[in-house]
Every structure is written in C-alpha cells, then in structure tokens.
PDB file of all heavy atoms in Angstrom:
ATOM      1  N   VAL A   1      99.970-114.203 -68.049  1.00  0.00           N
ATOM      2  CA  VAL A   1     100.390-114.626 -66.715  1.00  0.00           C
ATOM      3  C   VAL A   1      99.364-114.141 -65.702  1.00  0.00           C
ATOM      4  O   VAL A   1      99.045-112.946 -65.653  1.00  0.00           O
ATOM      5  CB  VAL A   1     101.783-114.074 -66.364  1.00  0.00           C
ATOM      6  CG1 VAL A   1     102.168-114.480 -64.939  1.00  0.00           C
ATOM      7  CG2 VAL A   1     102.820-114.558 -67.354  1.00  0.00           C
ATOM      8  N   PHE A   2      98.844-115.047 -64.899  1.00  0.00           N
ATOM      9  CA  PHE A   2      97.980-114.721 -63.772  1.00  0.00           C
ATOM     10  C   PHE A   2      98.639-115.258 -62.509  1.00  0.00           C
ATOM     11  O   PHE A   2      98.794-116.468 -62.354  1.00  0.00           O
ATOM     12  CB  PHE A   2      96.588-115.344 -63.929  1.00  0.00           C
ATOM     13  CG  PHE A   2      95.765-114.773 -65.049  1.00  0.00           C
ATOM     14  CD1 PHE A   2      95.081-115.608 -65.923  1.00  0.00           C
ATOM     15  CD2 PHE A   2      95.667-113.403 -65.230  1.00  0.00           C
ATOM     16  CE1 PHE A   2      94.309-115.097 -66.951  1.00  0.00           C
ATOM     17  CE2 PHE A   2      94.896-112.867 -66.257  1.00  0.00           C
ATOM     18  CZ  PHE A   2      94.229-113.712 -67.120  1.00  0.00           C
ATOM     19  N   GLY A   3      99.053-114.382 -61.616  1.00  0.00           N
ATOM     20  CA  GLY A   3      99.715-114.814 -60.393  1.00  0.00           C
ATOM     21  C   GLY A   3     101.027-115.492 -60.703  1.00  0.00           C
ATOM     22  O   GLY A   3     101.889-114.938 -61.388  1.00  0.00           O
ATOM     23  N   ASN A   4     101.183-116.728 -60.252  1.00  0.00           N
ATOM     24  CA  ASN A   4     102.423-117.480 -60.489  1.00  0.00           C
ATOM     25  C   ASN A   4     102.264-118.541 -61.563  1.00  0.00           C
ATOM     26  O   ASN A   4     103.037-119.492 -61.633  1.00  0.00           O
ATOM     27  CB  ASN A   4     102.896-118.136 -59.185  1.00  0.00           C
ATOM     28  CG  ASN A   4     101.914-119.175 -58.663  1.00  0.00           C
ATOM     29  OD1 ASN A   4     100.782-119.257 -59.150  1.00  0.00           O
ATOM     30  ND2 ASN A   4     102.329-119.971 -57.691  1.00  0.00           N
ATOM     31  N   LYS A   5     101.256-118.375 -62.429  1.00  0.00           N
ATOM     32  CA  LYS A   5     101.006-119.358 -63.476  1.00  0.00           C
ATOM     33  C   LYS A   5     100.964-118.703 -64.851  1.00  0.00           C
ATOM     34  O   LYS A   5     100.499-117.571 -65.008  1.00  0.00           O
ATOM     35  CB  LYS A   5      99.681-120.097 -63.244  1.00  0.00           C
ATOM     36  CG  LYS A   5      99.744-121.188 -62.201  1.00  0.00           C
ATOM     37  CD  LYS A   5      98.436-121.982 -62.185  1.00  0.00           C
ATOM     38  CE  LYS A   5      98.499-123.128 -61.166  1.00  0.00           C
ATOM     39  NZ  LYS A   5      97.245-123.921 -61.179  1.00  0.00           N
ATOM     40  N   TYR A   6     101.470-119.474 -65.812  1.00  0.00           N
ATOM     41  CA  TYR A   6     101.332-119.110 -67.207  1.00  0.00           C
ATOM     42  C   TYR A   6     100.071-119.787 -67.747  1.00  0.00           C
ATOM     43  O   TYR A   6      99.831-120.958 -67.469  1.00  0.00           O
ATOM     44  CB  TYR A   6     102.541-119.576 -68.013  1.00  0.00           C
ATOM     45  CG  TYR A   6     103.861-119.054 -67.514  1.00  0.00           C
ATOM     46  CD1 TYR A   6     104.633-119.801 -66.635  1.00  0.00           C
ATOM     47  CD2 TYR A   6     104.346-117.819 -67.943  1.00  0.00           C
ATOM     48  CE1 TYR A   6     105.855-119.330 -66.168  1.00  0.00           C
ATOM     49  CE2 TYR A   6     105.574-117.335 -67.487  1.00  0.00           C
ATOM     50  CZ  TYR A   6     106.316-118.099 -66.600  1.00  0.00           C
ATOM     51  OH  TYR A   6     107.520-117.623 -66.147  1.00  0.00           O
ATOM     52  N   TRP A   7      99.312-119.037 -68.521  1.00  0.00           N
ATOM     53  CA  TRP A   7      98.086-119.577 -69.099  1.00  0.00           C
ATOM     54  C   TRP A   7      98.102-119.418 -70.611  1.00  0.00           C
ATOM     55  O   TRP A   7      98.595-118.405 -71.125  1.00  0.00           O
ATOM     56  CB  TRP A   7      96.859-118.861 -68.536  1.00  0.00           C
ATOM     57  CG  TRP A   7      96.574-119.212 -67.110  1.00  0.00           C
ATOM     58  CD1 TRP A   7      97.165-118.677 -65.998  1.00  0.00           C
ATOM     59  CD2 TRP A   7      95.645-120.175 -66.626  1.00  0.00           C
ATOM     60  NE1 TRP A   7      96.666-119.252 -64.863  1.00  0.00           N
ATOM     61  CE2 TRP A   7      95.724-120.176 -65.222  1.00  0.00           C
ATOM     62  CE3 TRP A   7      94.748-121.028 -67.256  1.00  0.00           C
ATOM     63  CZ2 TRP A   7      94.935-121.001 -64.434  1.00  0.00           C
ATOM     64  CZ3 TRP A   7      93.951-121.862 -66.473  1.00  0.00           C
ATOM     65  CH2 TRP A   7      94.057-121.840 -65.077  1.00  0.00           C
ATOM     66  N   VAL A   8      97.554-120.408 -71.304  1.00  0.00           N
ATOM     67  CA  VAL A   8      97.355-120.324 -72.749  1.00  0.00           C
ATOM     68  C   VAL A   8      95.893-120.654 -73.042  1.00  0.00           C
ATOM     69  O   VAL A   8      95.378-121.692 -72.616  1.00  0.00           O
ATOM     70  CB  VAL A   8      98.278-121.285 -73.513  1.00  0.00           C
ATOM     71  CG1 VAL A   8      97.947-121.254 -75.011  1.00  0.00           C
ATOM     72  CG2 VAL A   8      99.736-120.910 -73.298  1.00  0.00           C
ATOM     73  N   TYR A   9      95.249-119.735 -73.764  1.00  0.00           N
ATOM     74  CA  TYR A   9      93.865-119.927 -74.205  1.00  0.00           C
ATOM     75  C   TYR A   9      93.871-119.999 -75.730  1.00  0.00           C
ATOM     76  O   TYR A   9      94.067-118.983 -76.401  1.00  0.00           O
ATOM     77  CB  TYR A   9      92.979-118.772 -73.734  1.00  0.00           C
ATOM     78  CG  TYR A   9      92.855-118.665 -72.240  1.00  0.00           C
ATOM     79  CD1 TYR A   9      93.850-118.032 -71.491  1.00  0.00           C
ATOM     80  CD2 TYR A   9      91.760-119.193 -71.561  1.00  0.00           C
ATOM     81  CE1 TYR A   9      93.757-117.943 -70.111  1.00  0.00           C
ATOM     82  CE2 TYR A   9      91.660-119.104 -70.184  1.00  0.00           C
ATOM     83  CZ  TYR A   9      92.665-118.471 -69.457  1.00  0.00           C
ATOM     84  OH  TYR A   9      92.571-118.386 -68.089  1.00  0.00           O
ATOM     85  N   PRO A  10      93.697-121.188 -76.308  1.00  0.00           N
ATOM     86  CA  PRO A  10      93.706-121.323 -77.768  1.00  0.00           C
ATOM     87  C   PRO A  10      92.300-121.564 -78.335  1.00  0.00           C
ATOM     88  O   PRO A  10      91.336-121.836 -77.609  1.00  0.00           O
ATOM     89  CB  PRO A  10      94.567-122.561 -77.968  1.00  0.00           C
ATOM     90  CG  PRO A  10      94.198-123.432 -76.787  1.00  0.00           C
ATOM     91  CD  PRO A  10      93.827-122.496 -75.644  1.00  0.00           C
ATOM     92  N   THR A  11      92.222-121.451 -79.643  1.00  0.00           N
ATOM     93  CA  THR A  11      91.054-121.922 -80.379  1.00  0.00           C
ATOM     94  C   THR A  11      91.142-123.439 -80.508  1.00  0.00           C
ATOM     95  O   THR A  11      92.214-123.970 -80.796  1.00  0.00           O
ATOM     96  CB  THR A  11      91.025-121.308 -81.790  1.00  0.00           C
ATOM     97  OG1 THR A  11      90.873-119.897 -81.688  1.00  0.00           O
ATOM     98  CG2 THR A  11      89.900-121.880 -82.625  1.00  0.00           C
ATOM     99  N   TYR A  12      90.042-124.120 -80.280  1.00  0.00           N
ATOM    100  CA  TYR A  12      89.971-125.537 -80.621  1.00  0.00           C
ATOM    101  C   TYR A  12      89.685-125.616 -82.116  1.00  0.00           C
ATOM    102  O   TYR A  12      88.610-125.214 -82.589  1.00  0.00           O
ATOM    103  CB  TYR A  12      88.877-126.241 -79.821  1.00  0.00           C
ATOM    104  CG  TYR A  12      88.596-127.650 -80.283  1.00  0.00           C
ATOM    105  CD1 TYR A  12      89.568-128.636 -80.172  1.00  0.00           C
ATOM    106  CD2 TYR A  12      87.364-127.992 -80.848  1.00  0.00           C
ATOM    107  CE1 TYR A  12      89.326-129.935 -80.609  1.00  0.00           C
ATOM    108  CE2 TYR A  12      87.118-129.282 -81.285  1.00  0.00           C
ATOM    109  CZ  TYR A  12      88.096-130.245 -81.159  1.00  0.00           C
ATOM    110  OH  TYR A  12      87.861-131.526 -81.604  1.00  0.00           O
ATOM    111  N   SER A  13      90.637-126.116 -82.871  1.00  0.00           N
ATOM    112  CA  SER A  13      90.538-126.094 -84.327  1.00  0.00           C
ATOM    113  C   SER A  13      89.830-127.343 -84.834  1.00  0.00           C
ATOM    114  O   SER A  13      90.314-128.459 -84.665  1.00  0.00           O
ATOM    115  CB  SER A  13      91.938-125.987 -84.935  1.00  0.00           C
ATOM    116  OG  SER A  13      91.869-125.736 -86.319  1.00  0.00           O
ATOM    117  N   ALA A  14      88.669-127.134 -85.455  1.00  0.00           N
ATOM    118  CA  ALA A  14      87.847-128.241 -85.943  1.00  0.00           C
ATOM    119  C   ALA A  14      86.878-127.688 -86.974  1.00  0.00           C
ATOM    120  O   ALA A  14      86.787-126.469 -87.156  1.00  0.00           O
ATOM    121  CB  ALA A  14      87.080-128.877 -84.785  1.00  0.00           C
ATOM    122  N   PRO A  15      86.134-128.536 -87.688  1.00  0.00           N
ATOM    123  CA  PRO A  15      85.055-128.026 -88.535  1.00  0.00           C
ATOM    124  C   PRO A  15      84.152-127.108 -87.715  1.00  0.00           C
ATOM    125  O   PRO A  15      83.889-127.362 -86.533  1.00  0.00           O
ATOM    126  CB  PRO A  15      84.328-129.300 -88.972  1.00  0.00           C
ATOM    127  CG  PRO A  15      85.390-130.355 -88.957  1.00  0.00           C
ATOM    128  CD  PRO A  15      86.265-130.006 -87.787  1.00  0.00           C
ATOM    129  N   TYR A  16      83.677-126.042 -88.337  1.00  0.00           N
ATOM    130  CA  TYR A  16      82.990-124.983 -87.594  1.00  0.00           C
ATOM    131  C   TYR A  16      81.845-125.488 -86.725  1.00  0.00           C
ATOM    132  O   TYR A  16      81.626-124.991 -85.614  1.00  0.00           O
ATOM    133  CB  TYR A  16      82.476-123.916 -88.556  1.00  0.00           C
ATOM    134  CG  TYR A  16      83.557-123.016 -89.104  1.00  0.00           C
ATOM    135  CD1 TYR A  16      83.261-122.046 -90.049  1.00  0.00           C
ATOM    136  CD2 TYR A  16      84.875-123.136 -88.677  1.00  0.00           C
ATOM    137  CE1 TYR A  16      84.247-121.211 -90.559  1.00  0.00           C
ATOM    138  CE2 TYR A  16      85.864-122.312 -89.174  1.00  0.00           C
ATOM    139  CZ  TYR A  16      85.546-121.347 -90.120  1.00  0.00           C
ATOM    140  OH  TYR A  16      86.515-120.510 -90.612  1.00  0.00           O
ATOM    141  N   ASN A  17      81.097-126.479 -87.187  1.00  0.00           N
ATOM    142  CA  ASN A  17      79.970-126.973 -86.402  1.00  0.00           C
ATOM    143  C   ASN A  17      80.412-127.772 -85.184  1.00  0.00           C
ATOM    144  O   ASN A  17      79.612-128.049 -84.291  1.00  0.00           O
ATOM    145  CB  ASN A  17      79.043-127.824 -87.268  1.00  0.00           C
ATOM    146  CG  ASN A  17      78.265-126.978 -88.271  1.00  0.00           C
ATOM    147  OD1 ASN A  17      78.050-125.784 -88.050  1.00  0.00           O
ATOM    148  ND2 ASN A  17      77.848-127.581 -89.364  1.00  0.00           N
ATOM    149  N   GLU A  18      81.700-128.162 -85.143  1.00  0.00           N
ATOM    150  CA  GLU A  18      82.257-128.850 -83.975  1.00  0.00           C
ATOM    151  C   GLU A  18      83.095-127.903 -83.107  1.00  0.00           C
ATOM    152  O   GLU A  18      83.505-128.284 -82.014  1.00  0.00           O
ATOM    153  CB  GLU A  18      83.135-130.011 -84.441  1.00  0.00           C
ATOM    154  CG  GLU A  18      82.403-131.063 -85.258  1.00  0.00           C
ATOM    155  CD  GLU A  18      83.342-132.112 -85.827  1.00  0.00           C
ATOM    156  OE1 GLU A  18      84.479-132.228 -85.307  1.00  0.00           O
ATOM    157  OE2 GLU A  18      82.962-132.796 -86.796  1.00  0.00           O
ATOM    158  N   GLN A  19      83.302-126.718 -83.584  1.00  0.00           N
ATOM    159  CA  GLN A  19      84.143-125.737 -82.883  1.00  0.00           C
ATOM    160  C   GLN A  19      83.250-124.947 -81.920  1.00  0.00           C
ATOM    161  O   GLN A  19      82.970-123.767 -82.118  1.00  0.00           O
ATOM    162  CB  GLN A  19      84.780-124.818 -83.928  1.00  0.00           C
ATOM    163  CG  GLN A  19      86.048-124.132 -83.479  1.00  0.00           C
ATOM    164  CD  GLN A  19      86.777-123.496 -84.651  1.00  0.00           C
ATOM    165  OE1 GLN A  19      87.178-124.171 -85.578  1.00  0.00           O
ATOM    166  NE2 GLN A  19      86.931-122.196 -84.599  1.00  0.00           N
ATOM    167  N   VAL A  20      82.828-125.613 -80.847  1.00  0.00           N
ATOM    168  CA  VAL A  20      81.794-125.043 -79.975  1.00  0.00           C
ATOM    169  C   VAL A  20      82.250-124.935 -78.522  1.00  0.00           C
ATOM    170  O   VAL A  20      81.429-124.749 -77.628  1.00  0.00           O
ATOM    171  CB  VAL A  20      80.503-125.886 -80.052  1.00  0.00           C
ATOM    172  CG1 VAL A  20      79.885-125.784 -81.439  1.00  0.00           C
ATOM    173  CG2 VAL A  20      80.779-127.343 -79.697  1.00  0.00           C
ATOM    174  N   PHE A  21      83.559-125.040 -78.278  1.00  0.00           N
ATOM    175  CA  PHE A  21      84.065-124.900 -76.915  1.00  0.00           C
ATOM    176  C   PHE A  21      85.508-124.436 -76.954  1.00  0.00           C
ATOM    177  O   PHE A  21      86.152-124.419 -78.013  1.00  0.00           O
ATOM    178  CB  PHE A  21      83.959-126.230 -76.152  1.00  0.00           C
ATOM    179  CG  PHE A  21      84.814-127.329 -76.717  1.00  0.00           C
ATOM    180  CD1 PHE A  21      86.139-127.483 -76.305  1.00  0.00           C
ATOM    181  CD2 PHE A  21      84.316-128.213 -77.657  1.00  0.00           C
ATOM    182  CE1 PHE A  21      86.940-128.496 -76.819  1.00  0.00           C
ATOM    183  CE2 PHE A  21      85.100-129.227 -78.169  1.00  0.00           C
ATOM    184  CZ  PHE A  21      86.416-129.369 -77.753  1.00  0.00           C
ATOM    185  N   MET A  22      86.020-124.063 -75.776  1.00  0.00           N
ATOM    186  CA  MET A  22      87.412-123.656 -75.646  1.00  0.00           C
ATOM    187  C   MET A  22      88.031-124.314 -74.427  1.00  0.00           C
ATOM    188  O   MET A  22      87.403-124.367 -73.360  1.00  0.00           O
ATOM    189  CB  MET A  22      87.533-122.140 -75.516  1.00  0.00           C
ATOM    190  CG  MET A  22      87.195-121.396 -76.787  1.00  0.00           C
ATOM    191  SD  MET A  22      87.351-119.604 -76.622  1.00  0.00           S
ATOM    192  CE  MET A  22      87.060-119.118 -78.326  1.00  0.00           C
ATOM    193  N   ASP A  23      89.232-124.846 -74.609  1.00  0.00           N
ATOM    194  CA  ASP A  23      90.025-125.374 -73.503  1.00  0.00           C
ATOM    195  C   ASP A  23      91.062-124.319 -73.094  1.00  0.00           C
ATOM    196  O   ASP A  23      91.346-123.381 -73.843  1.00  0.00           O
ATOM    197  CB  ASP A  23      90.769-126.644 -73.929  1.00  0.00           C
ATOM    198  CG  ASP A  23      89.841-127.789 -74.274  1.00  0.00           C
ATOM    199  OD1 ASP A  23      88.759-127.870 -73.672  1.00  0.00           O
ATOM    200  OD2 ASP A  23      90.206-128.591 -75.157  1.00  0.00           O
ATOM    201  N   ALA A  24      91.636-124.501 -71.924  1.00  0.00           N
ATOM    202  CA  ALA A  24      92.744-123.657 -71.470  1.00  0.00           C
ATOM    203  C   ALA A  24      93.837-124.552 -70.907  1.00  0.00           C
ATOM    204  O   ALA A  24      93.578-125.710 -70.527  1.00  0.00           O
ATOM    205  CB  ALA A  24      92.278-122.663 -70.414  1.00  0.00           C
ATOM    206  N   PHE A  25      95.041-124.027 -70.848  1.00  0.00           N
ATOM    207  CA  PHE A  25      96.186-124.777 -70.342  1.00  0.00           C
ATOM    208  C   PHE A  25      96.985-123.880 -69.404  1.00  0.00           C
ATOM    209  O   PHE A  25      97.173-122.685 -69.678  1.00  0.00           O
ATOM    210  CB  PHE A  25      97.077-125.245 -71.492  1.00  0.00           C
ATOM    211  CG  PHE A  25      96.392-126.181 -72.444  1.00  0.00           C
ATOM    212  CD1 PHE A  25      95.591-125.679 -73.461  1.00  0.00           C
ATOM    213  CD2 PHE A  25      96.526-127.551 -72.312  1.00  0.00           C
ATOM    214  CE1 PHE A  25      94.941-126.537 -74.342  1.00  0.00           C
ATOM    215  CE2 PHE A  25      95.885-128.413 -73.190  1.00  0.00           C
ATOM    216  CZ  PHE A  25      95.088-127.906 -74.209  1.00  0.00           C
ATOM    217  N   SER A  26      97.468-124.456 -68.293  1.00  0.00           N
ATOM    218  CA  SER A  26      98.240-123.675 -67.327  1.00  0.00           C
ATOM    219  C   SER A  26      99.534-124.395 -66.964  1.00  0.00           C
ATOM    220  O   SER A  26      99.626-125.627 -67.053  1.00  0.00           O
ATOM    221  CB  SER A  26      97.420-123.411 -66.059  1.00  0.00           C
ATOM    222  OG  SER A  26      97.136-124.627 -65.377  1.00  0.00           O
ATOM    223  N   SER A  27     100.523-123.608 -66.541  1.00  0.00           N
ATOM    224  CA  SER A  27     101.824-124.164 -66.181  1.00  0.00           C
ATOM    225  C   SER A  27     102.524-123.221 -65.206  1.00  0.00           C
ATOM    226  O   SER A  27     102.362-121.995 -65.286  1.00  0.00           O
ATOM    227  CB  SER A  27     102.685-124.345 -67.429  1.00  0.00           C
ATOM    228  OG  SER A  27     104.003-124.746 -67.098  1.00  0.00           O
ATOM    229  N   THR A  28     103.312-123.792 -64.323  1.00  0.00           N
ATOM    230  CA  THR A  28     104.139-122.979 -63.431  1.00  0.00           C
ATOM    231  C   THR A  28     105.569-122.869 -63.924  1.00  0.00           C
ATOM    232  O   THR A  28     106.343-122.061 -63.402  1.00  0.00           O
ATOM    233  CB  THR A  28     104.146-123.568 -62.004  1.00  0.00           C
ATOM    234  OG1 THR A  28     104.627-124.917 -62.066  1.00  0.00           O
ATOM    235  CG2 THR A  28     102.751-123.537 -61.396  1.00  0.00           C
ATOM    236  N   ASP A  29     105.932-123.682 -64.934  1.00  0.00           N
ATOM    237  CA  ASP A  29     107.330-123.711 -65.369  1.00  0.00           C
ATOM    238  C   ASP A  29     107.511-123.697 -66.885  1.00  0.00           C
ATOM    239  O   ASP A  29     108.638-123.801 -67.377  1.00  0.00           O
ATOM    240  CB  ASP A  29     108.037-124.946 -64.789  1.00  0.00           C
ATOM    241  CG  ASP A  29     107.356-126.258 -65.178  1.00  0.00           C
ATOM    242  OD1 ASP A  29     106.426-126.230 -66.035  1.00  0.00           O
ATOM    243  OD2 ASP A  29     107.743-127.309 -64.633  1.00  0.00           O
ATOM    244  N   LEU A  30     106.415-123.592 -67.635  1.00  0.00           N
ATOM    245  CA  LEU A  30     106.437-123.613 -69.102  1.00  0.00           C
ATOM    246  C   LEU A  30     106.892-124.965 -69.666  1.00  0.00           C
ATOM    247  O   LEU A  30     107.160-125.074 -70.856  1.00  0.00           O
ATOM    248  CB  LEU A  30     107.330-122.497 -69.668  1.00  0.00           C
ATOM    249  CG  LEU A  30     106.881-121.064 -69.393  1.00  0.00           C
ATOM    250  CD1 LEU A  30     107.907-120.075 -69.942  1.00  0.00           C
ATOM    251  CD2 LEU A  30     105.513-120.807 -70.006  1.00  0.00           C
ATOM    252  N   VAL A  31     106.996-125.970 -68.814  1.00  0.00           N
ATOM    253  CA  VAL A  31     107.390-127.309 -69.240  1.00  0.00           C
ATOM    254  C   VAL A  31     106.224-128.281 -69.077  1.00  0.00           C
ATOM    255  O   VAL A  31     105.869-129.013 -69.996  1.00  0.00           O
ATOM    256  CB  VAL A  31     108.608-127.810 -68.437  1.00  0.00           C
ATOM    257  CG1 VAL A  31     108.961-129.236 -68.846  1.00  0.00           C
ATOM    258  CG2 VAL A  31     109.801-126.887 -68.645  1.00  0.00           C
ATOM    259  N   HIS A  32     105.657-128.304 -67.894  1.00  0.00           N
ATOM    260  CA  HIS A  32     104.554-129.209 -67.591  1.00  0.00           C
ATOM    261  C   HIS A  32     103.241-128.422 -67.628  1.00  0.00           C
ATOM    262  O   HIS A  32     103.098-127.404 -66.942  1.00  0.00           O
ATOM    263  CB  HIS A  32     104.754-129.845 -66.211  1.00  0.00           C
ATOM    264  CG  HIS A  32     106.083-130.524 -66.068  1.00  0.00           C
ATOM    265  ND1 HIS A  32     107.181-129.883 -65.521  1.00  0.00           N
ATOM    266  CD2 HIS A  32     106.495-131.765 -66.422  1.00  0.00           C
ATOM    267  CE1 HIS A  32     108.211-130.717 -65.532  1.00  0.00           C
ATOM    268  NE2 HIS A  32     107.825-131.863 -66.080  1.00  0.00           N
ATOM    269  N   TRP A  33     102.293-128.905 -68.427  1.00  0.00           N
ATOM    270  CA  TRP A  33     101.050-128.191 -68.664  1.00  0.00           C
ATOM    271  C   TRP A  33      99.851-128.984 -68.156  1.00  0.00           C
ATOM    272  O   TRP A  33      99.778-130.198 -68.334  1.00  0.00           O
ATOM    273  CB  TRP A  33     100.881-127.909 -70.156  1.00  0.00           C
ATOM    274  CG  TRP A  33     101.889-126.920 -70.668  1.00  0.00           C
ATOM    275  CD1 TRP A  33     103.137-127.196 -71.161  1.00  0.00           C
ATOM    276  CD2 TRP A  33     101.758-125.498 -70.681  1.00  0.00           C
ATOM    277  NE1 TRP A  33     103.773-126.027 -71.499  1.00  0.00           N
ATOM    278  CE2 TRP A  33     102.965-124.974 -71.220  1.00  0.00           C
ATOM    279  CE3 TRP A  33     100.740-124.614 -70.309  1.00  0.00           C
ATOM    280  CZ2 TRP A  33     103.171-123.603 -71.394  1.00  0.00           C
ATOM    281  CZ3 TRP A  33     100.941-123.258 -70.484  1.00  0.00           C
ATOM    282  CH2 TRP A  33     102.135-122.762 -71.013  1.00  0.00           C
ATOM    283  N   SER A  34      98.924-128.270 -67.519  1.00  0.00           N
ATOM    284  CA  SER A  34      97.662-128.869 -67.089  1.00  0.00           C
ATOM    285  C   SER A  34      96.551-128.392 -68.014  1.00  0.00           C
ATOM    286  O   SER A  34      96.459-127.203 -68.334  1.00  0.00           O
ATOM    287  CB  SER A  34      97.331-128.450 -65.650  1.00  0.00           C
ATOM    288  OG  SER A  34      98.309-128.933 -64.751  1.00  0.00           O
TER     289      SER A  34
END
C-alpha cells in the first residue's frame, strides 16, 4: 500500500529471453485495477 492505493508488482511470466520487463497494477478498491 502506498498512500491511498493498493499496488501489485508481479513477475511477467514468459520464456526467459522474453522475460525482460515488469508491469505494475494499482487500485483504490481492490476491484478495479489500472
């Protein structure tokens, strides 16, 4: 939790040579995610 938002930082699961970045997801209500 940062401030008033929930954040999730996952591994992008793919073959290792394609696993070269990370996405993040945020939500204020745990229902709708950006």
